[in-house]
Amino acid sequence: MSVAATEPHIARRGLLFIISSPSGAGKTTLARRLLTADSGIEMSVSVTTRAPRPGEQDGVDYHFVDRDRFETMKSRGELLEWARVFDNYYGTPRQPVEAAIAAGKDVLFDIDWQGAQQLSEKLKGDVVLVFVLPPSGNVLEDRLKSRAQDTAEIVARRMAAASAEISHWAEYDYVIVNTEIEKSAAAVQSILVAERLKRDRLLGLSDFVRDMQSVL
């Protein structure tokens, strides 16, 4: 008599999946694709002092706060990381992230190299770092201009900052050249699947193997 196989539950510690890139290289699009494709990962909602863009919702896209509130969160240790980007401040609230990974949930971050460095220092074993490169500098400039979200001055500042951002590519675990969005999205999903299977993250694996051996 055969016994139907069922998917075993093995307790796992959650991970922090960080996607970084210079503005316009595609990290936000890839993050959204991953959220749509995989229900097991949730987006970290950052706090920011910048004003909402058209269509953005407080508590969904960002937690929009004033400068005084941001400074208070910093001083109280309520932020895992923070950075100043183009005269505005961004940060990651500590409590929801730490609770998620302890519960075995994965958290997705769309942040720059400064935030990635800080998270790596504080939660090293839990962090997976993915850097996204544009196919070329010309393509990056075209993407920034075509999305029509920023003034010409801001586009110029973002292009000037791109070289400094790209210089940190070697600090990341994985690098994707975003030539075709479909292939890049598939690569990001593959990285997440592989990282979930790392032995060190499978907290319940020893008990699972021990139970198996007891009946062999």
N, C-alpha and C. Protein backbone atom coordinates (compact mmCIF):
# COMPACT_ATOMS: atom_id res chain seq x y z
N MET A 1 0.84 -1.18 0.00
CA MET A 1 0.00 0.00 0.00
C MET A 1 0.89 1.25 0.00
N SER A 2 0.67 2.10 -0.98
CA SER A 2 1.50 3.30 -1.07
C SER A 2 0.94 4.40 -0.19
N VAL A 3 1.82 5.26 0.25
CA VAL A 3 1.42 6.41 1.07
C VAL A 3 1.66 7.68 0.26
N ALA A 4 0.62 8.49 0.12
CA ALA A 4 0.75 9.72 -0.65
C ALA A 4 1.73 10.67 0.02
N ALA A 5 2.61 11.22 -0.78
CA ALA A 5 3.59 12.17 -0.24
C ALA A 5 2.94 13.53 -0.03
N THR A 6 3.26 14.15 1.06
CA THR A 6 2.79 15.51 1.33
C THR A 6 4.01 16.41 1.51
N GLU A 7 3.82 17.67 1.22
CA GLU A 7 4.92 18.62 1.36
C GLU A 7 5.25 18.83 2.83
N PRO A 8 6.45 18.50 3.26
CA PRO A 8 6.80 18.66 4.68
C PRO A 8 6.98 20.12 5.04
N HIS A 9 6.61 20.46 6.26
CA HIS A 9 6.84 21.81 6.74
C HIS A 9 8.14 21.83 7.54
N ILE A 10 9.08 22.60 7.08
CA ILE A 10 10.36 22.76 7.76
C ILE A 10 10.50 24.23 8.15
N ALA A 11 10.56 24.49 9.44
CA ALA A 11 10.65 25.87 9.91
C ALA A 11 11.85 26.58 9.29
N ARG A 12 11.64 27.82 8.89
CA ARG A 12 12.69 28.58 8.22
C ARG A 12 12.72 30.00 8.75
N ARG A 13 13.92 30.54 8.90
CA ARG A 13 14.04 31.95 9.25
C ARG A 13 13.87 32.77 7.98
N GLY A 14 13.14 33.87 8.08
CA GLY A 14 12.92 34.72 6.93
C GLY A 14 14.19 35.42 6.48
N LEU A 15 14.15 36.02 5.31
CA LEU A 15 15.31 36.73 4.78
C LEU A 15 14.92 38.13 4.33
N LEU A 16 15.92 38.99 4.22
CA LEU A 16 15.76 40.34 3.72
C LEU A 16 16.32 40.38 2.31
N PHE A 17 15.45 40.58 1.34
CA PHE A 17 15.82 40.53 -0.08
C PHE A 17 15.93 41.96 -0.59
N ILE A 18 17.16 42.41 -0.82
CA ILE A 18 17.42 43.80 -1.17
C ILE A 18 17.75 43.93 -2.65
N ILE A 19 17.02 44.81 -3.33
CA ILE A 19 17.30 45.13 -4.73
C ILE A 19 17.73 46.59 -4.78
N SER A 20 18.92 46.84 -5.33
CA SER A 20 19.44 48.20 -5.48
C SER A 20 19.83 48.45 -6.92
N SER A 21 19.82 49.73 -7.28
CA SER A 21 20.27 50.14 -8.61
C SER A 21 20.30 51.66 -8.65
N PRO A 22 21.00 52.24 -9.62
CA PRO A 22 20.84 53.68 -9.83
C PRO A 22 19.41 53.96 -10.29
N SER A 23 18.93 55.16 -10.03
CA SER A 23 17.57 55.51 -10.45
C SER A 23 17.39 55.28 -11.94
N GLY A 24 16.30 54.59 -12.30
CA GLY A 24 16.00 54.34 -13.71
C GLY A 24 16.49 53.02 -14.24
N ALA A 25 17.26 52.26 -13.44
CA ALA A 25 17.80 50.99 -13.94
C ALA A 25 16.80 49.84 -13.83
N GLY A 26 15.75 50.02 -13.02
CA GLY A 26 14.70 49.00 -13.01
C GLY A 26 14.41 48.33 -11.70
N LYS A 27 14.99 48.76 -10.58
CA LYS A 27 14.79 48.03 -9.33
C LYS A 27 13.33 48.05 -8.88
N THR A 28 12.64 49.17 -9.07
CA THR A 28 11.25 49.25 -8.62
C THR A 28 10.35 48.34 -9.46
N THR A 29 10.57 48.32 -10.76
CA THR A 29 9.78 47.43 -11.63
C THR A 29 10.03 45.97 -11.27
N LEU A 30 11.28 45.60 -11.04
CA LEU A 30 11.60 44.22 -10.68
C LEU A 30 11.03 43.86 -9.32
N ALA A 31 11.04 44.79 -8.39
CA ALA A 31 10.45 44.53 -7.08
C ALA A 31 8.96 44.27 -7.20
N ARG A 32 8.28 45.05 -8.01
CA ARG A 32 6.83 44.86 -8.20
C ARG A 32 6.54 43.53 -8.88
N ARG A 33 7.36 43.15 -9.85
CA ARG A 33 7.18 41.86 -10.53
C ARG A 33 7.33 40.71 -9.53
N LEU A 34 8.31 40.82 -8.64
CA LEU A 34 8.53 39.77 -7.67
C LEU A 34 7.36 39.65 -6.70
N LEU A 35 6.83 40.76 -6.26
CA LEU A 35 5.68 40.74 -5.35
C LEU A 35 4.46 40.09 -6.01
N THR A 36 4.29 40.35 -7.29
CA THR A 36 3.16 39.76 -8.02
C THR A 36 3.35 38.25 -8.21
N ALA A 37 4.59 37.84 -8.47
CA ALA A 37 4.87 36.44 -8.78
C ALA A 37 4.96 35.55 -7.55
N ASP A 38 5.28 36.12 -6.39
CA ASP A 38 5.55 35.31 -5.20
C ASP A 38 4.80 35.88 -4.00
N SER A 39 3.82 35.14 -3.52
CA SER A 39 3.00 35.59 -2.39
C SER A 39 3.72 35.44 -1.06
N GLY A 40 4.89 34.79 -1.06
CA GLY A 40 5.60 34.55 0.19
C GLY A 40 6.54 35.66 0.60
N ILE A 41 6.53 36.77 -0.14
CA ILE A 41 7.40 37.88 0.21
C ILE A 41 6.58 39.16 0.27
N GLU A 42 6.88 40.01 1.23
CA GLU A 42 6.15 41.26 1.39
C GLU A 42 7.09 42.45 1.32
N MET A 43 6.56 43.58 0.89
CA MET A 43 7.38 44.77 0.70
C MET A 43 7.57 45.50 2.01
N SER A 44 8.80 45.89 2.29
CA SER A 44 9.08 46.77 3.42
C SER A 44 8.63 48.18 3.05
N VAL A 45 7.83 48.79 3.90
CA VAL A 45 7.33 50.14 3.64
C VAL A 45 8.22 51.13 4.39
N SER A 46 8.97 51.93 3.65
CA SER A 46 9.91 52.87 4.25
C SER A 46 9.19 54.12 4.74
N VAL A 47 9.86 54.84 5.62
CA VAL A 47 9.41 56.19 5.98
C VAL A 47 10.23 57.17 5.15
N THR A 48 9.63 58.30 4.79
CA THR A 48 10.34 59.30 4.01
C THR A 48 9.83 60.69 4.35
N THR A 49 10.72 61.66 4.19
CA THR A 49 10.34 63.05 4.41
C THR A 49 9.91 63.73 3.11
N ARG A 50 10.02 63.05 1.98
CA ARG A 50 9.62 63.70 0.73
C ARG A 50 8.10 63.70 0.59
N ALA A 51 7.61 64.59 -0.26
CA ALA A 51 6.17 64.69 -0.49
C ALA A 51 5.69 63.53 -1.36
N PRO A 52 4.45 63.08 -1.16
CA PRO A 52 3.92 62.00 -2.01
C PRO A 52 3.85 62.42 -3.48
N ARG A 53 4.16 61.48 -4.35
CA ARG A 53 3.96 61.70 -5.78
C ARG A 53 2.53 61.36 -6.13
N PRO A 54 2.03 61.83 -7.29
CA PRO A 54 0.65 61.52 -7.69
C PRO A 54 0.38 60.01 -7.67
N GLY A 55 -0.68 59.61 -6.99
CA GLY A 55 -1.07 58.20 -6.92
C GLY A 55 -0.50 57.44 -5.75
N GLU A 56 0.51 57.98 -5.06
CA GLU A 56 1.09 57.29 -3.92
C GLU A 56 0.19 57.41 -2.69
N GLN A 57 0.16 56.32 -1.90
CA GLN A 57 -0.68 56.27 -0.71
C GLN A 57 0.17 56.12 0.54
N ASP A 58 -0.17 56.90 1.56
CA ASP A 58 0.53 56.80 2.83
C ASP A 58 0.27 55.43 3.45
N GLY A 59 1.34 54.76 3.90
CA GLY A 59 1.22 53.44 4.50
C GLY A 59 1.26 52.31 3.50
N VAL A 60 1.19 52.63 2.22
CA VAL A 60 1.25 51.62 1.17
C VAL A 60 2.56 51.77 0.40
N ASP A 61 2.78 52.94 -0.18
CA ASP A 61 4.02 53.19 -0.91
C ASP A 61 5.13 53.61 0.05
N TYR A 62 4.80 54.51 0.95
CA TYR A 62 5.71 54.98 2.00
C TYR A 62 4.88 55.41 3.21
N HIS A 63 5.57 55.55 4.34
CA HIS A 63 5.01 56.28 5.46
C HIS A 63 5.57 57.69 5.34
N PHE A 64 4.74 58.65 5.02
CA PHE A 64 5.19 60.02 4.80
C PHE A 64 5.19 60.77 6.13
N VAL A 65 6.36 61.25 6.54
CA VAL A 65 6.51 61.93 7.82
C VAL A 65 7.26 63.24 7.62
N ASP A 66 7.18 64.14 8.60
CA ASP A 66 7.96 65.37 8.50
C ASP A 66 9.36 65.13 9.07
N ARG A 67 10.21 66.12 8.93
CA ARG A 67 11.61 65.98 9.34
C ARG A 67 11.73 65.72 10.85
N ASP A 68 10.93 66.40 11.65
CA ASP A 68 11.01 66.23 13.10
C ASP A 68 10.67 64.80 13.51
N ARG A 69 9.63 64.23 12.91
CA ARG A 69 9.24 62.85 13.23
C ARG A 69 10.34 61.88 12.81
N PHE A 70 10.95 62.13 11.66
CA PHE A 70 12.03 61.27 11.19
C PHE A 70 13.21 61.30 12.16
N GLU A 71 13.57 62.49 12.61
CA GLU A 71 14.68 62.62 13.55
C GLU A 71 14.38 61.92 14.87
N THR A 72 13.13 61.97 15.30
CA THR A 72 12.74 61.29 16.53
C THR A 72 12.89 59.78 16.38
N MET A 73 12.46 59.23 15.24
CA MET A 73 12.59 57.80 14.99
C MET A 73 14.06 57.39 14.98
N LYS A 74 14.93 58.20 14.39
CA LYS A 74 16.37 57.91 14.39
C LYS A 74 16.92 57.87 15.81
N SER A 75 16.59 58.88 16.59
CA SER A 75 17.17 58.99 17.93
C SER A 75 16.68 57.89 18.86
N ARG A 76 15.50 57.35 18.62
CA ARG A 76 14.95 56.28 19.45
C ARG A 76 15.37 54.89 18.98
N GLY A 77 16.15 54.82 17.92
CA GLY A 77 16.58 53.52 17.40
C GLY A 77 15.48 52.75 16.70
N GLU A 78 14.48 53.46 16.19
CA GLU A 78 13.34 52.81 15.55
C GLU A 78 13.59 52.50 14.07
N LEU A 79 14.75 52.92 13.55
CA LEU A 79 15.07 52.68 12.14
C LEU A 79 16.25 51.72 12.02
N LEU A 80 16.10 50.71 11.19
CA LEU A 80 17.20 49.78 10.92
C LEU A 80 18.26 50.43 10.05
N GLU A 81 17.84 51.31 9.16
CA GLU A 81 18.76 52.02 8.29
C GLU A 81 18.10 53.32 7.86
N TRP A 82 18.93 54.27 7.45
CA TRP A 82 18.39 55.51 6.89
C TRP A 82 19.43 56.13 5.98
N ALA A 83 18.96 56.98 5.08
CA ALA A 83 19.86 57.65 4.15
C ALA A 83 19.22 58.94 3.66
N ARG A 84 20.08 59.87 3.26
CA ARG A 84 19.62 61.11 2.63
C ARG A 84 19.80 60.96 1.13
N VAL A 85 18.75 61.18 0.37
CA VAL A 85 18.80 61.05 -1.07
C VAL A 85 18.12 62.28 -1.69
N PHE A 86 18.91 63.09 -2.40
CA PHE A 86 18.38 64.27 -3.07
C PHE A 86 17.55 65.15 -2.13
N ASP A 87 18.12 65.50 -1.00
CA ASP A 87 17.54 66.45 -0.03
C ASP A 87 16.36 65.87 0.76
N ASN A 88 16.06 64.60 0.57
CA ASN A 88 15.02 63.95 1.36
C ASN A 88 15.61 62.77 2.13
N TYR A 89 14.94 62.37 3.20
CA TYR A 89 15.42 61.28 4.03
C TYR A 89 14.50 60.06 3.90
N TYR A 90 15.12 58.88 3.90
CA TYR A 90 14.41 57.61 3.81
C TYR A 90 14.93 56.68 4.90
N GLY A 91 14.06 55.83 5.43
CA GLY A 91 14.50 54.88 6.45
C GLY A 91 13.58 53.67 6.54
N THR A 92 14.09 52.61 7.18
CA THR A 92 13.35 51.36 7.34
C THR A 92 12.94 51.16 8.80
N PRO A 93 11.65 51.12 9.10
CA PRO A 93 11.21 50.85 10.47
C PRO A 93 11.71 49.49 10.96
N ARG A 94 12.23 49.44 12.16
CA ARG A 94 12.84 48.24 12.70
C ARG A 94 11.82 47.14 13.05
N GLN A 95 10.79 47.47 13.81
CA GLN A 95 9.93 46.47 14.43
C GLN A 95 9.27 45.52 13.42
N PRO A 96 8.62 46.02 12.36
CA PRO A 96 7.96 45.07 11.44
C PRO A 96 8.92 44.14 10.72
N VAL A 97 10.13 44.60 10.44
CA VAL A 97 11.11 43.77 9.74
C VAL A 97 11.60 42.65 10.65
N GLU A 98 11.99 42.99 11.86
CA GLU A 98 12.49 41.97 12.79
C GLU A 98 11.41 40.94 13.12
N ALA A 99 10.17 41.39 13.24
CA ALA A 99 9.07 40.46 13.53
C ALA A 99 8.83 39.52 12.36
N ALA A 100 8.93 40.03 11.15
CA ALA A 100 8.68 39.21 9.95
C ALA A 100 9.71 38.10 9.80
N ILE A 101 11.00 38.43 9.90
CA ILE A 101 12.01 37.39 9.69
C ILE A 101 12.00 36.36 10.81
N ALA A 102 11.66 36.78 12.03
CA ALA A 102 11.57 35.82 13.14
C ALA A 102 10.42 34.85 12.91
N ALA A 103 9.38 35.31 12.20
CA ALA A 103 8.21 34.47 11.91
C ALA A 103 8.38 33.67 10.63
N GLY A 104 9.56 33.73 10.01
CA GLY A 104 9.80 32.97 8.79
C GLY A 104 9.28 33.61 7.53
N LYS A 105 9.02 34.93 7.57
CA LYS A 105 8.52 35.64 6.40
C LYS A 105 9.67 36.39 5.73
N ASP A 106 9.57 36.55 4.42
CA ASP A 106 10.59 37.26 3.66
C ASP A 106 10.15 38.70 3.41
N VAL A 107 11.12 39.60 3.44
CA VAL A 107 10.82 41.02 3.28
C VAL A 107 11.65 41.58 2.12
N LEU A 108 11.00 42.31 1.24
CA LEU A 108 11.63 42.86 0.05
C LEU A 108 11.94 44.35 0.26
N PHE A 109 13.16 44.75 -0.16
CA PHE A 109 13.60 46.12 -0.02
C PHE A 109 14.00 46.70 -1.38
N ASP A 110 13.51 47.88 -1.67
CA ASP A 110 13.90 48.64 -2.85
C ASP A 110 14.65 49.87 -2.32
N ILE A 111 15.96 49.68 -2.04
CA ILE A 111 16.75 50.73 -1.39
C ILE A 111 18.11 50.88 -2.05
N ASP A 112 18.82 51.96 -1.71
CA ASP A 112 20.11 52.21 -2.32
C ASP A 112 21.23 51.53 -1.54
N TRP A 113 22.47 51.73 -2.00
CA TRP A 113 23.62 51.05 -1.41
C TRP A 113 23.85 51.46 0.04
N GLN A 114 23.50 52.69 0.40
CA GLN A 114 23.69 53.12 1.78
C GLN A 114 22.83 52.29 2.73
N GLY A 115 21.56 52.13 2.39
CA GLY A 115 20.67 51.32 3.20
C GLY A 115 21.08 49.87 3.21
N ALA A 116 21.53 49.37 2.04
CA ALA A 116 21.96 47.97 1.95
C ALA A 116 23.15 47.70 2.86
N GLN A 117 24.09 48.64 2.91
CA GLN A 117 25.24 48.49 3.79
C GLN A 117 24.82 48.42 5.25
N GLN A 118 23.93 49.30 5.66
CA GLN A 118 23.50 49.34 7.05
C GLN A 118 22.76 48.08 7.46
N LEU A 119 21.88 47.58 6.58
CA LEU A 119 21.16 46.35 6.89
C LEU A 119 22.11 45.16 6.95
N SER A 120 23.10 45.14 6.07
CA SER A 120 24.07 44.05 6.08
C SER A 120 24.88 44.03 7.36
N GLU A 121 25.20 45.20 7.88
CA GLU A 121 25.96 45.27 9.12
C GLU A 121 25.14 44.79 10.32
N LYS A 122 23.84 45.09 10.32
CA LYS A 122 23.00 44.79 11.48
C LYS A 122 22.39 43.39 11.43
N LEU A 123 22.12 42.88 10.21
CA LEU A 123 21.43 41.60 10.06
C LEU A 123 22.13 40.77 8.99
N LYS A 124 23.43 40.63 9.11
CA LYS A 124 24.26 40.07 8.04
C LYS A 124 23.76 38.73 7.49
N GLY A 125 23.50 37.77 8.36
CA GLY A 125 23.11 36.45 7.88
C GLY A 125 21.74 36.37 7.26
N ASP A 126 20.94 37.42 7.44
CA ASP A 126 19.57 37.42 6.93
C ASP A 126 19.42 38.16 5.60
N VAL A 127 20.49 38.77 5.11
CA VAL A 127 20.39 39.67 3.97
C VAL A 127 20.86 39.01 2.67
N VAL A 128 20.08 39.22 1.60
CA VAL A 128 20.45 38.82 0.24
C VAL A 128 20.49 40.10 -0.60
N LEU A 129 21.63 40.34 -1.25
CA LEU A 129 21.85 41.60 -1.95
C LEU A 129 21.89 41.39 -3.47
N VAL A 130 21.01 42.11 -4.18
CA VAL A 130 20.95 42.03 -5.64
C VAL A 130 21.11 43.43 -6.22
N PHE A 131 22.08 43.60 -7.10
CA PHE A 131 22.29 44.90 -7.74
C PHE A 131 21.88 44.83 -9.20
N VAL A 132 21.15 45.85 -9.66
CA VAL A 132 20.65 45.90 -11.03
C VAL A 132 21.39 46.99 -11.80
N LEU A 133 22.00 46.60 -12.91
CA LEU A 133 22.70 47.53 -13.78
C LEU A 133 21.88 47.80 -15.04
N PRO A 134 21.94 49.02 -15.58
CA PRO A 134 21.31 49.28 -16.88
C PRO A 134 22.19 48.73 -17.98
N PRO A 135 21.65 48.53 -19.19
CA PRO A 135 22.48 48.04 -20.30
C PRO A 135 23.58 49.01 -20.69
N SER A 136 23.33 50.32 -20.51
CA SER A 136 24.33 51.33 -20.84
C SER A 136 23.93 52.65 -20.18
N GLY A 137 24.86 53.61 -20.17
CA GLY A 137 24.56 54.92 -19.63
C GLY A 137 23.52 55.65 -20.45
N ASN A 138 23.55 55.48 -21.77
CA ASN A 138 22.57 56.14 -22.64
C ASN A 138 21.15 55.61 -22.38
N VAL A 139 21.03 54.31 -22.20
CA VAL A 139 19.73 53.73 -21.91
C VAL A 139 19.21 54.24 -20.57
N LEU A 140 20.09 54.35 -19.59
CA LEU A 140 19.68 54.86 -18.29
C LEU A 140 19.13 56.27 -18.40
N GLU A 141 19.82 57.13 -19.14
CA GLU A 141 19.36 58.52 -19.31
C GLU A 141 18.02 58.56 -20.03
N ASP A 142 17.85 57.73 -21.05
CA ASP A 142 16.58 57.69 -21.79
C ASP A 142 15.43 57.26 -20.88
N ARG A 143 15.68 56.28 -20.00
CA ARG A 143 14.64 55.81 -19.09
C ARG A 143 14.23 56.91 -18.11
N LEU A 144 15.22 57.63 -17.59
CA LEU A 144 14.92 58.71 -16.64
C LEU A 144 14.09 59.80 -17.30
N LYS A 145 14.40 60.13 -18.53
CA LYS A 145 13.66 61.18 -19.23
C LYS A 145 12.26 60.72 -19.62
N SER A 146 12.13 59.46 -20.02
CA SER A 146 10.85 58.98 -20.54
C SER A 146 9.80 58.79 -19.45
N ARG A 147 10.22 58.56 -18.19
CA ARG A 147 9.21 58.35 -17.15
C ARG A 147 8.57 59.65 -16.69
N ALA A 148 9.16 60.81 -17.04
CA ALA A 148 8.55 62.13 -16.85
C ALA A 148 8.09 62.39 -15.42
N GLN A 149 8.82 61.88 -14.45
CA GLN A 149 8.48 62.11 -13.05
C GLN A 149 9.28 63.27 -12.45
N ASP A 150 10.42 63.59 -13.07
CA ASP A 150 11.33 64.57 -12.49
C ASP A 150 11.64 65.68 -13.49
N THR A 151 12.07 66.81 -12.96
CA THR A 151 12.49 67.91 -13.80
C THR A 151 13.82 67.58 -14.47
N ALA A 152 14.18 68.37 -15.47
CA ALA A 152 15.46 68.16 -16.16
C ALA A 152 16.62 68.29 -15.19
N GLU A 153 16.49 69.18 -14.21
CA GLU A 153 17.56 69.35 -13.21
C GLU A 153 17.73 68.09 -12.37
N ILE A 154 16.60 67.51 -11.96
CA ILE A 154 16.67 66.28 -11.15
C ILE A 154 17.23 65.13 -11.96
N VAL A 155 16.84 65.03 -13.24
CA VAL A 155 17.38 63.97 -14.10
C VAL A 155 18.90 64.10 -14.19
N ALA A 156 19.38 65.34 -14.34
CA ALA A 156 20.82 65.56 -14.42
C ALA A 156 21.52 65.15 -13.13
N ARG A 157 20.88 65.43 -11.98
CA ARG A 157 21.46 65.06 -10.69
C ARG A 157 21.49 63.55 -10.52
N ARG A 158 20.43 62.88 -11.00
CA ARG A 158 20.38 61.42 -10.89
C ARG A 158 21.45 60.77 -11.78
N MET A 159 21.66 61.34 -12.95
CA MET A 159 22.71 60.81 -13.83
C MET A 159 24.08 61.01 -13.20
N ALA A 160 24.28 62.16 -12.57
CA ALA A 160 25.56 62.44 -11.93
C ALA A 160 25.81 61.48 -10.78
N ALA A 161 24.73 61.08 -10.08
CA ALA A 161 24.87 60.18 -8.93
C ALA A 161 24.99 58.72 -9.35
N ALA A 162 24.62 58.41 -10.59
CA ALA A 162 24.58 57.01 -11.04
C ALA A 162 25.95 56.35 -10.98
N SER A 163 26.98 57.08 -11.36
CA SER A 163 28.33 56.49 -11.35
C SER A 163 28.74 56.09 -9.94
N ALA A 164 28.46 56.96 -8.97
CA ALA A 164 28.80 56.65 -7.57
C ALA A 164 28.01 55.45 -7.08
N GLU A 165 26.72 55.38 -7.46
CA GLU A 165 25.88 54.25 -7.06
C GLU A 165 26.42 52.95 -7.66
N ILE A 166 26.74 52.98 -8.94
CA ILE A 166 27.22 51.78 -9.63
C ILE A 166 28.55 51.30 -9.07
N SER A 167 29.34 52.20 -8.52
CA SER A 167 30.65 51.82 -8.00
C SER A 167 30.55 50.82 -6.85
N HIS A 168 29.36 50.65 -6.29
CA HIS A 168 29.17 49.73 -5.16
C HIS A 168 28.69 48.34 -5.60
N TRP A 169 28.68 48.07 -6.90
CA TRP A 169 28.15 46.80 -7.38
C TRP A 169 28.86 45.59 -6.77
N ALA A 170 30.15 45.69 -6.49
CA ALA A 170 30.92 44.54 -6.00
C ALA A 170 30.58 44.17 -4.56
N GLU A 171 29.81 45.00 -3.87
CA GLU A 171 29.40 44.71 -2.50
C GLU A 171 28.18 43.78 -2.45
N TYR A 172 27.63 43.46 -3.60
CA TYR A 172 26.38 42.69 -3.67
C TYR A 172 26.65 41.22 -3.98
N ASP A 173 25.70 40.38 -3.58
CA ASP A 173 25.83 38.93 -3.83
C ASP A 173 25.57 38.58 -5.29
N TYR A 174 24.64 39.29 -5.91
CA TYR A 174 24.23 39.00 -7.29
C TYR A 174 24.15 40.32 -8.07
N VAL A 175 24.48 40.25 -9.36
CA VAL A 175 24.38 41.42 -10.24
C VAL A 175 23.62 41.02 -11.49
N ILE A 176 22.59 41.81 -11.83
CA ILE A 176 21.77 41.56 -13.01
C ILE A 176 21.86 42.76 -13.94
N VAL A 177 22.21 42.53 -15.22
CA VAL A 177 22.17 43.59 -16.22
C VAL A 177 20.77 43.58 -16.83
N ASN A 178 20.02 44.62 -16.57
CA ASN A 178 18.60 44.64 -16.92
C ASN A 178 18.39 45.07 -18.38
N THR A 179 18.69 44.13 -19.29
CA THR A 179 18.49 44.38 -20.71
C THR A 179 17.05 44.08 -21.11
N GLU A 180 16.52 42.95 -20.65
CA GLU A 180 15.13 42.56 -20.92
C GLU A 180 14.44 42.31 -19.59
N ILE A 181 13.35 43.01 -19.35
CA ILE A 181 12.70 42.96 -18.05
C ILE A 181 12.19 41.57 -17.70
N GLU A 182 11.72 40.81 -18.68
CA GLU A 182 11.21 39.46 -18.40
C GLU A 182 12.33 38.55 -17.91
N LYS A 183 13.47 38.58 -18.58
CA LYS A 183 14.61 37.75 -18.16
C LYS A 183 15.13 38.19 -16.81
N SER A 184 15.17 39.48 -16.58
CA SER A 184 15.65 39.99 -15.29
C SER A 184 14.72 39.59 -14.16
N ALA A 185 13.42 39.66 -14.41
CA ALA A 185 12.44 39.27 -13.39
C ALA A 185 12.56 37.79 -13.06
N ALA A 186 12.77 36.95 -14.09
CA ALA A 186 12.94 35.51 -13.87
C ALA A 186 14.21 35.24 -13.06
N ALA A 187 15.27 36.00 -13.32
CA ALA A 187 16.51 35.83 -12.58
C ALA A 187 16.33 36.18 -11.12
N VAL A 188 15.61 37.27 -10.85
CA VAL A 188 15.35 37.68 -9.46
C VAL A 188 14.57 36.59 -8.72
N GLN A 189 13.56 36.03 -9.37
CA GLN A 189 12.76 34.96 -8.74
C GLN A 189 13.62 33.73 -8.46
N SER A 190 14.51 33.39 -9.37
CA SER A 190 15.38 32.23 -9.17
C SER A 190 16.31 32.43 -7.98
N ILE A 191 16.82 33.65 -7.83
CA ILE A 191 17.69 33.95 -6.69
C ILE A 191 16.94 33.77 -5.38
N LEU A 192 15.72 34.25 -5.32
CA LEU A 192 14.93 34.13 -4.10
C LEU A 192 14.68 32.66 -3.75
N VAL A 193 14.32 31.85 -4.74
CA VAL A 193 14.07 30.42 -4.49
C VAL A 193 15.32 29.74 -3.95
N ALA A 194 16.46 30.02 -4.56
CA ALA A 194 17.71 29.39 -4.13
C ALA A 194 18.10 29.82 -2.72
N GLU A 195 17.92 31.09 -2.41
CA GLU A 195 18.30 31.58 -1.08
C GLU A 195 17.42 31.00 0.01
N ARG A 196 16.17 30.73 -0.30
CA ARG A 196 15.27 30.11 0.68
C ARG A 196 15.70 28.70 1.03
N LEU A 197 16.43 28.04 0.14
CA LEU A 197 16.84 26.66 0.35
C LEU A 197 18.19 26.52 1.05
N LYS A 198 18.83 27.63 1.37
CA LYS A 198 20.12 27.54 2.05
C LYS A 198 19.96 26.85 3.40
N ARG A 199 20.86 25.94 3.66
CA ARG A 199 20.76 25.11 4.86
C ARG A 199 20.70 25.94 6.14
N ASP A 200 21.49 26.96 6.23
CA ASP A 200 21.55 27.76 7.45
C ASP A 200 20.22 28.44 7.78
N ARG A 201 19.37 28.64 6.78
CA ARG A 201 18.09 29.30 7.03
C ARG A 201 17.00 28.30 7.42
N LEU A 202 17.22 27.03 7.20
CA LEU A 202 16.21 26.01 7.49
C LEU A 202 16.37 25.55 8.94
N LEU A 203 15.77 26.30 9.83
CA LEU A 203 15.95 26.06 11.26
C LEU A 203 15.40 24.70 11.70
N GLY A 204 14.41 24.22 10.99
CA GLY A 204 13.78 22.95 11.38
C GLY A 204 14.35 21.74 10.65
N LEU A 205 15.42 21.94 9.88
CA LEU A 205 15.93 20.84 9.06
C LEU A 205 16.53 19.71 9.90
N SER A 206 17.24 20.04 10.96
CA SER A 206 17.85 19.01 11.80
C SER A 206 16.78 18.10 12.40
N ASP A 207 15.72 18.67 12.92
CA ASP A 207 14.63 17.87 13.48
C ASP A 207 13.96 17.03 12.41
N PHE A 208 13.78 17.59 11.23
CA PHE A 208 13.15 16.87 10.13
C PHE A 208 13.97 15.63 9.75
N VAL A 209 15.29 15.81 9.62
CA VAL A 209 16.16 14.69 9.26
C VAL A 209 16.21 13.66 10.39
N ARG A 210 16.26 14.13 11.62
CA ARG A 210 16.30 13.22 12.77
C ARG A 210 15.04 12.35 12.83
N ASP A 211 13.88 12.96 12.59
CA ASP A 211 12.62 12.21 12.59
C ASP A 211 12.60 11.17 11.46
N MET A 212 13.14 11.57 10.33
CA MET A 212 13.19 10.66 9.20
C MET A 212 14.07 9.44 9.51
N GLN A 213 15.22 9.71 10.10
CA GLN A 213 16.15 8.64 10.40
C GLN A 213 15.60 7.68 11.45
N SER A 214 14.71 8.19 12.31
CA SER A 214 14.18 7.35 13.38
C SER A 214 13.29 6.22 12.88
N VAL A 215 12.78 6.35 11.65
CA VAL A 215 11.91 5.31 11.11
C VAL A 215 12.59 4.51 10.00
N LEU A 216 13.83 4.82 9.72
CA LEU A 216 14.54 4.07 8.67
C LEU A 216 15.19 2.81 9.23
